[in-house]
Amino acid sequence: MSRFLIAAGGTGGHLAPGIALADALRERGHDCLILISRKQVDARLVACYPAIRFAAMPGAGLGASPVAFARFVGSQVRALAFCRGIFRRESPDAVVGFGGFTSAPALFVARFKGVPGALHESNRVPGRAVRLLGRLARRVYLPPGVDVPALDPTVVRAAAMPVRREIQRLPRPAARAHWGFDDARPLLVVLGGSQGASALNAWASGQRAALAAAGVQLAVVTGPGKAVGGDSLPSGDPKAVFLPFCDQMAALLSAADLVVSRAGAGTLAELVRCQTPALLVPFPQAADNHQTANAEHFARLGGGEVVPQTGLGALLPRVLQLLAAPATLAEYALRLAAADSALRWEKIIPDLEELAAPSPVAAA
């Protein structure tokens, strides 16, 4: 048995694959502790996994303003001290970072302690964590076809994003029944990622009447603290629901005929796994425009289309056109099923086990 420390907090896109990895490692007899942030989104998600150990660490994301930068530096100093204490108590055999501000302190302490470290990047444009911390890691897992020239090629491995085991395509009638949606009417789901998306929330709220007039049911995951008044809206026919958070994503995605969504790597991996067609609206301020790269790759897989945020005014006609074309949606779903079969991530498990195993010299 090996002991793994997994740094994965800050957003659902970082934490969800960390949970998937921990679950798979624990099934093979290993011990895992996941470092998370103190954000509400992390607390809500980890509450669904009582069998996994978590530790909330101090930290704040990197900001552009002098005040935000000073807050980030101060929080990283506190996080380093926190991680040193974790290493003393846990004595991990390997550390795995999924990006975000929880990864850097854990990787720095691992390097200082001589503990092997790994980084996993899910976006088609590698983020700061991989570009800056990759030299500290003994393994860097990148999406197939993605490269970071500055990294030693011997440490790089191609790997898809870990997806939680409960994220699986469900029979549509059962998924619809879970949410109380009519199986005879089309269903549009709008997602903004774990943080929500104000632009998509506003679009969904503004188009609710037009969608209802076309007989389209609606589900919107607004994100914590970004409610748009959905809970207070009178129930109607067709049904519309607005949720701040969804911990039954497999059922929701399986129930949907079509999704309108941001293009975070975690959301796209779940769309592929559930074979759900999507119109993707990349967040235009995403670092290095990585959501656009993610969305374009999803479109190349054949699972949907890319709509720039500047094109939201023309989104409704395209949504209605696709919902009236079940053969097109079925073709998108078939292509996603083929992509899912080709993008299994579990091969990183034996590689991490090898990384964590003591060297023959150390064992002697």
Protein backbone atom coordinates (compact mmCIF):
# COMPACT_ATOMS: atom_id res chain seq x y z
CA MET A 1 0.00 0.00 0.00
CA SER A 2 1.21 3.51 -0.84
CA ARG A 3 0.14 6.84 0.61
CA PHE A 4 -0.89 9.50 -1.88
CA LEU A 5 -1.40 13.21 -1.25
CA ILE A 6 -3.66 14.74 -3.92
CA ALA A 7 -3.80 18.55 -4.26
CA ALA A 8 -7.05 19.29 -6.07
CA GLY A 9 -9.04 22.13 -4.55
CA GLY A 10 -10.27 25.51 -5.72
CA THR A 11 -12.78 24.65 -8.44
CA GLY A 12 -14.91 21.68 -9.39
CA GLY A 13 -12.69 21.22 -12.44
CA HIS A 14 -9.71 20.59 -10.16
CA LEU A 15 -11.47 18.73 -7.37
CA ALA A 16 -13.68 16.31 -9.31
CA PRO A 17 -10.77 14.55 -11.08
CA GLY A 18 -8.90 14.43 -7.76
CA ILE A 19 -11.85 12.61 -6.23
CA ALA A 20 -11.98 10.22 -9.20
CA LEU A 21 -8.29 9.44 -8.81
CA ALA A 22 -8.53 8.95 -5.05
CA ASP A 23 -11.48 6.63 -5.48
CA ALA A 24 -9.58 4.48 -8.00
CA LEU A 25 -6.42 4.37 -5.87
CA ARG A 26 -8.37 3.48 -2.73
CA GLU A 27 -10.03 0.61 -4.59
CA ARG A 28 -6.54 -0.82 -5.16
CA GLY A 29 -5.69 -0.62 -1.47
CA HIS A 30 -3.85 2.72 -1.32
CA ASP A 31 -4.39 5.48 1.22
CA CYS A 32 -5.31 8.95 -0.09
CA LEU A 33 -5.69 12.42 1.39
CA ILE A 34 -7.04 15.21 -0.82
CA LEU A 35 -6.02 18.81 -0.16
CA ILE A 36 -8.91 21.17 -0.90
CA SER A 37 -9.54 24.88 -0.60
CA ARG A 38 -11.87 26.52 1.89
CA LYS A 39 -14.30 27.57 -0.83
CA GLN A 40 -17.99 26.71 -0.64
CA VAL A 41 -17.83 24.76 -3.90
CA ASP A 42 -15.24 22.40 -2.41
CA ALA A 43 -17.16 21.90 0.83
CA ARG A 44 -20.35 21.10 -1.06
CA LEU A 45 -18.69 18.53 -3.32
CA VAL A 46 -16.65 16.72 -0.67
CA ALA A 47 -19.76 16.27 1.48
CA CYS A 48 -20.88 13.69 -1.09
CA TYR A 49 -17.80 11.51 -0.41
CA PRO A 50 -17.65 10.69 3.31
CA ALA A 51 -15.35 7.69 2.74
CA ILE A 52 -12.54 9.86 1.34
CA ARG A 53 -10.26 11.91 3.57
CA PHE A 54 -9.95 15.64 2.88
CA ALA A 55 -8.01 18.50 4.45
CA ALA A 56 -8.91 22.15 3.81
CA MET A 57 -5.82 24.30 3.38
CA PRO A 58 -5.36 28.08 3.30
CA GLY A 59 -4.99 29.69 -0.07
CA ALA A 60 -6.27 32.27 -2.54
CA GLY A 61 -6.11 32.43 -6.30
CA LEU A 62 -3.62 34.65 -8.12
CA GLY A 63 -5.10 38.06 -8.91
CA ALA A 64 -3.95 40.91 -11.15
CA SER A 65 -4.29 43.78 -8.69
CA PRO A 66 -1.51 44.54 -6.13
CA VAL A 67 -3.88 43.75 -3.25
CA ALA A 68 -4.94 40.43 -4.79
CA PHE A 69 -1.32 39.52 -5.52
CA ALA A 70 -0.28 40.32 -1.93
CA ARG A 71 -3.17 38.20 -0.64
CA PHE A 72 -2.06 35.34 -2.90
CA VAL A 73 1.57 35.50 -1.71
CA GLY A 74 0.53 35.61 1.95
CA SER A 75 -1.84 32.68 1.51
CA GLN A 76 0.86 30.63 -0.23
CA VAL A 77 3.24 31.16 2.69
CA ARG A 78 0.55 29.89 5.06
CA ALA A 79 -0.18 26.99 2.70
CA LEU A 80 3.49 25.98 2.68
CA ALA A 81 3.48 25.77 6.46
CA PHE A 82 0.22 23.81 6.34
CA CYS A 83 1.68 21.33 3.82
CA ARG A 84 4.82 20.83 5.89
CA GLY A 85 2.59 19.76 8.77
CA ILE A 86 0.65 17.42 6.48
CA PHE A 87 3.89 15.80 5.31
CA ARG A 88 5.03 15.26 8.90
CA ARG A 89 1.74 13.56 9.82
CA GLU A 90 1.06 11.64 6.62
CA SER A 91 4.53 10.80 5.19
CA PRO A 92 3.16 10.50 1.64
CA ASP A 93 4.90 8.32 -0.91
CA ALA A 94 3.80 10.53 -3.82
CA VAL A 95 2.02 13.81 -4.46
CA VAL A 96 -0.36 14.48 -7.35
CA GLY A 97 -1.43 18.03 -8.23
CA PHE A 98 -4.36 18.96 -10.45
CA GLY A 99 -3.49 22.64 -10.84
CA GLY A 100 -4.85 25.63 -8.98
CA PHE A 101 -3.39 27.28 -5.91
CA THR A 102 -3.40 24.08 -3.83
CA SER A 103 -0.84 22.37 -6.07
CA ALA A 104 2.17 24.66 -5.74
CA PRO A 105 2.75 24.37 -1.95
CA ALA A 106 2.31 20.60 -2.03
CA LEU A 107 4.73 20.19 -4.96
CA PHE A 108 7.33 22.51 -3.39
CA VAL A 109 7.30 20.62 -0.10
CA ALA A 110 7.40 17.29 -1.95
CA ARG A 111 10.49 18.40 -3.89
CA PHE A 112 12.17 19.57 -0.66
CA LYS A 113 11.37 16.26 1.05
CA GLY A 114 12.49 14.13 -1.91
CA VAL A 115 8.95 12.79 -2.45
CA PRO A 116 8.06 12.15 -6.12
CA GLY A 117 5.45 14.51 -7.53
CA ALA A 118 3.08 14.42 -10.48
CA LEU A 119 0.95 17.05 -12.22
CA HIS A 120 -2.19 16.50 -14.25
CA GLU A 121 -3.41 19.04 -16.80
CA SER A 122 -6.84 18.62 -18.38
CA ASN A 123 -7.07 21.76 -20.53
CA ARG A 124 -5.91 21.86 -24.12
CA VAL A 125 -3.76 24.89 -23.20
CA PRO A 126 -1.62 24.00 -20.16
CA GLY A 127 -2.07 26.35 -17.24
CA ARG A 128 0.43 28.17 -15.05
CA ALA A 129 0.73 25.25 -12.63
CA VAL A 130 2.10 22.94 -15.31
CA ARG A 131 4.25 25.57 -17.00
CA LEU A 132 5.82 26.75 -13.73
CA LEU A 133 5.81 23.57 -11.64
CA GLY A 134 6.41 20.97 -14.33
CA ARG A 135 10.15 20.98 -13.68
CA LEU A 136 9.49 19.90 -10.09
CA ALA A 137 7.45 16.87 -11.13
CA ARG A 138 8.53 13.35 -12.04
CA ARG A 139 5.34 12.88 -14.09
CA VAL A 140 3.30 15.40 -16.06
CA TYR A 141 0.04 14.07 -17.52
CA LEU A 142 -1.20 16.06 -20.52
CA PRO A 143 -4.21 15.62 -22.82
CA PRO A 144 -3.41 13.51 -25.90
CA GLY A 145 -1.84 15.68 -28.57
CA VAL A 146 -0.84 18.48 -26.16
CA ASP A 147 2.81 19.33 -25.53
CA VAL A 148 4.83 21.67 -23.30
CA PRO A 149 8.20 22.15 -25.06
CA ALA A 150 9.95 23.34 -21.88
CA LEU A 151 9.34 20.02 -20.11
CA ASP A 152 11.62 17.01 -20.20
CA PRO A 153 9.81 14.65 -22.60
CA THR A 154 10.72 11.65 -20.43
CA VAL A 155 8.36 12.84 -17.67
CA VAL A 156 5.39 13.58 -19.95
CA ARG A 157 2.57 11.05 -20.35
CA ALA A 158 -0.60 11.39 -22.44
CA ALA A 159 -3.68 10.95 -20.26
CA ALA A 160 -7.34 11.85 -20.35
CA MET A 161 -9.06 13.56 -17.44
CA PRO A 162 -10.15 11.34 -14.53
CA VAL A 163 -13.95 11.17 -14.34
CA ARG A 164 -15.80 10.10 -11.20
CA ARG A 165 -17.19 6.58 -11.48
CA GLU A 166 -20.78 7.70 -10.89
CA ILE A 167 -20.65 9.87 -14.00
CA GLN A 168 -22.10 7.37 -16.46
CA ARG A 169 -24.77 7.51 -19.14
CA LEU A 170 -28.11 6.55 -17.58
CA PRO A 171 -31.27 5.42 -19.37
CA ARG A 172 -33.11 8.58 -20.36
CA PRO A 173 -36.52 7.65 -18.85
CA ALA A 174 -34.93 6.97 -15.45
CA ALA A 175 -32.86 10.17 -15.63
CA ARG A 176 -35.93 12.22 -16.60
CA ALA A 177 -37.96 10.62 -13.78
CA HIS A 178 -35.23 11.54 -11.25
CA TRP A 179 -35.75 15.22 -12.06
CA GLY A 180 -39.46 15.07 -12.80
CA PHE A 181 -39.13 16.03 -16.46
CA ASP A 182 -41.61 14.94 -19.11
CA ASP A 183 -40.05 12.25 -21.30
CA ALA A 184 -42.12 13.39 -24.27
CA ARG A 185 -40.73 16.97 -24.37
CA PRO A 186 -37.23 18.19 -25.26
CA LEU A 187 -34.97 19.26 -22.39
CA LEU A 188 -32.29 21.94 -22.55
CA VAL A 189 -29.70 22.07 -19.75
CA VAL A 190 -27.59 25.21 -19.18
CA LEU A 191 -24.30 24.90 -17.27
CA GLY A 192 -21.76 27.50 -16.25
CA GLY A 193 -19.24 25.23 -14.52
CA SER A 194 -18.79 24.90 -10.76
CA GLN A 195 -18.59 28.69 -10.35
CA GLY A 196 -21.60 29.42 -12.56
CA ALA A 197 -21.73 31.82 -15.50
CA SER A 198 -23.68 35.06 -15.21
CA ALA A 199 -23.93 35.50 -18.99
CA LEU A 200 -25.47 32.04 -19.48
CA ASN A 201 -27.76 32.47 -16.46
CA ALA A 202 -29.03 35.75 -17.91
CA TRP A 203 -29.50 34.17 -21.34
CA ALA A 204 -31.50 31.26 -19.91
CA SER A 205 -33.66 33.51 -17.77
CA GLY A 206 -34.30 35.86 -20.69
CA GLN A 207 -35.18 33.04 -23.09
CA ARG A 208 -37.36 31.04 -20.70
CA ALA A 209 -40.64 32.26 -22.18
CA ALA A 210 -39.52 31.60 -25.76
CA LEU A 211 -38.31 28.12 -24.85
CA ALA A 212 -41.58 27.36 -23.05
CA ALA A 213 -43.56 28.56 -26.05
CA ALA A 214 -41.63 26.04 -28.16
CA GLY A 215 -42.43 23.26 -25.66
CA VAL A 216 -38.85 23.05 -24.34
CA GLN A 217 -38.16 22.12 -20.72
CA LEU A 218 -35.27 23.92 -19.03
CA ALA A 219 -32.75 23.17 -16.27
CA VAL A 220 -30.13 25.76 -15.30
CA VAL A 221 -27.26 25.17 -12.86
CA THR A 222 -26.56 28.77 -11.90
CA GLY A 223 -23.57 28.31 -9.59
CA PRO A 224 -23.40 29.19 -5.88
CA GLY A 225 -24.56 32.70 -5.11
CA LYS A 226 -25.68 33.35 -8.69
CA ALA A 227 -29.37 32.58 -8.46
CA VAL A 228 -31.51 34.33 -11.07
CA GLY A 229 -34.82 34.05 -9.31
CA GLY A 230 -35.59 30.58 -10.63
CA ASP A 231 -36.72 29.23 -7.26
CA SER A 232 -39.36 31.93 -6.95
CA LEU A 233 -40.72 31.52 -10.47
CA PRO A 234 -44.13 29.86 -10.64
CA SER A 235 -44.14 26.25 -11.76
CA GLY A 236 -45.30 25.91 -15.30
CA ASP A 237 -45.65 23.67 -18.27
CA PRO A 238 -43.12 22.96 -19.68
CA LYS A 239 -41.11 22.61 -16.49
CA ALA A 240 -38.14 24.88 -15.71
CA VAL A 241 -35.77 24.57 -12.74
CA PHE A 242 -32.91 26.79 -11.57
CA LEU A 243 -30.37 25.13 -9.24
CA PRO A 244 -27.37 26.75 -7.50
CA PHE A 245 -25.52 23.42 -7.46
CA CYS A 246 -26.07 19.92 -8.84
CA ASP A 247 -24.66 16.81 -7.19
CA GLN A 248 -26.49 14.47 -9.61
CA MET A 249 -24.75 15.44 -12.83
CA ALA A 250 -24.99 12.02 -14.44
CA ALA A 251 -28.78 12.07 -14.14
CA LEU A 252 -29.02 15.67 -15.37
CA LEU A 253 -26.75 15.17 -18.38
CA SER A 254 -28.42 11.87 -19.26
CA ALA A 255 -31.82 13.55 -19.12
CA ALA A 256 -30.79 16.36 -21.46
CA ASP A 257 -31.32 16.42 -25.20
CA LEU A 258 -28.89 19.31 -25.53
CA VAL A 259 -26.61 21.30 -23.22
CA VAL A 260 -25.51 24.92 -23.45
CA SER A 261 -22.33 25.23 -21.42
CA ARG A 262 -19.02 26.84 -20.68
CA ALA A 263 -16.04 24.80 -21.84
CA GLY A 264 -14.10 23.85 -18.74
CA ALA A 265 -12.24 20.56 -19.11
CA GLY A 266 -14.21 18.90 -16.31
CA THR A 267 -17.57 19.71 -17.84
CA LEU A 268 -16.45 18.50 -21.27
CA ALA A 269 -15.15 15.21 -19.85
CA GLU A 270 -18.54 14.61 -18.23
CA LEU A 271 -20.36 15.50 -21.45
CA VAL A 272 -18.24 12.96 -23.30
CA ARG A 273 -18.83 10.28 -20.65
CA CYS A 274 -22.61 10.87 -20.71
CA GLN A 275 -22.67 11.24 -24.51
CA THR A 276 -24.55 14.53 -24.30
CA PRO A 277 -24.41 16.93 -27.29
CA ALA A 278 -23.56 20.54 -26.47
CA LEU A 279 -23.35 24.08 -27.75
CA LEU A 280 -20.26 25.45 -26.01
CA VAL A 281 -19.85 29.11 -25.08
CA PRO A 282 -16.22 29.51 -23.93
CA PHE A 283 -15.57 31.99 -21.11
CA PRO A 284 -13.83 34.82 -22.99
CA GLN A 285 -11.65 35.83 -20.02
CA ALA A 286 -10.31 32.32 -19.36
CA ALA A 287 -6.53 32.22 -18.90
CA ASP A 288 -4.72 31.84 -22.23
CA ASN A 289 -8.16 31.45 -23.86
CA HIS A 290 -8.00 27.78 -22.87
CA GLN A 291 -11.78 27.31 -22.91
CA THR A 292 -11.88 28.14 -26.61
CA ALA A 293 -9.21 25.50 -27.27
CA ASN A 294 -11.19 22.99 -25.18
CA ALA A 295 -14.43 23.78 -27.03
CA GLU A 296 -12.85 23.52 -30.46
CA HIS A 297 -11.42 20.11 -29.57
CA PHE A 298 -14.86 18.94 -28.39
CA ALA A 299 -16.33 20.10 -31.70
CA ARG A 300 -13.62 18.18 -33.59
CA LEU A 301 -14.61 15.06 -31.66
CA GLY A 302 -18.04 15.57 -33.21
CA GLY A 303 -19.99 16.27 -30.02
CA GLY A 304 -21.36 19.71 -30.78
CA GLU A 305 -20.57 23.25 -31.81
CA VAL A 306 -18.79 26.35 -30.53
CA VAL A 307 -20.70 29.61 -30.02
CA PRO A 308 -18.70 32.71 -28.98
CA GLN A 309 -20.19 34.76 -26.17
CA THR A 310 -20.62 37.60 -28.66
CA GLY A 311 -22.98 35.27 -30.54
CA LEU A 312 -25.47 34.70 -27.72
CA GLY A 313 -28.04 36.76 -29.61
CA ALA A 314 -28.24 34.03 -32.25
CA LEU A 315 -28.11 31.12 -29.81
CA LEU A 316 -31.85 30.56 -29.35
CA PRO A 317 -32.60 29.79 -33.04
CA ARG A 318 -29.75 27.26 -33.13
CA VAL A 319 -30.95 25.61 -29.90
CA LEU A 320 -34.46 25.24 -31.29
CA GLN A 321 -33.14 24.01 -34.63
CA LEU A 322 -31.09 21.25 -32.99
CA LEU A 323 -33.86 20.23 -30.59
CA ALA A 324 -36.07 19.76 -33.65
CA ALA A 325 -33.41 17.54 -35.29
CA PRO A 326 -33.14 14.37 -33.17
CA ALA A 327 -31.16 12.59 -35.89
CA THR A 328 -28.41 15.23 -35.67
CA LEU A 329 -28.32 15.01 -31.87
CA ALA A 330 -28.16 11.22 -32.08
CA GLU A 331 -25.17 11.46 -34.42
CA TYR A 332 -23.41 13.80 -32.00
CA ALA A 333 -24.08 11.32 -29.18
CA LEU A 334 -22.66 8.42 -31.17
CA ARG A 335 -19.47 10.35 -31.85
CA LEU A 336 -19.11 11.16 -28.16
CA ALA A 337 -19.56 7.48 -27.29
CA ALA A 338 -16.70 6.64 -29.68
CA ALA A 339 -14.54 9.38 -28.14
CA ASP A 340 -15.25 8.10 -24.63
CA SER A 341 -14.10 4.61 -25.59
CA ALA A 342 -10.83 6.05 -26.90
CA LEU A 343 -10.12 8.40 -23.96
CA ARG A 344 -9.87 6.12 -20.93
CA TRP A 345 -7.83 7.67 -18.14
CA GLU A 346 -7.28 4.69 -15.84
CA LYS A 347 -3.90 3.83 -17.35
CA ILE A 348 -2.30 6.47 -15.12
CA ILE A 349 -3.04 4.33 -12.04
CA PRO A 350 -0.23 1.75 -12.55
CA ASP A 351 2.10 4.56 -13.58
CA LEU A 352 1.43 6.37 -10.29
CA GLU A 353 1.85 3.13 -8.36
CA GLU A 354 5.27 2.72 -9.94
CA LEU A 355 6.10 6.34 -9.09
CA ALA A 356 5.16 5.86 -5.43
CA ALA A 357 6.90 2.52 -4.99
CA PRO A 358 10.22 2.68 -3.10
CA SER A 359 13.32 2.45 -5.26
CA PRO A 360 15.35 -0.76 -5.02
CA VAL A 361 18.18 1.17 -3.32
CA ALA A 362 15.82 2.66 -0.74
CA ALA A 363 14.14 -0.70 -0.15
CA ALA A 364 17.52 -2.33 0.46
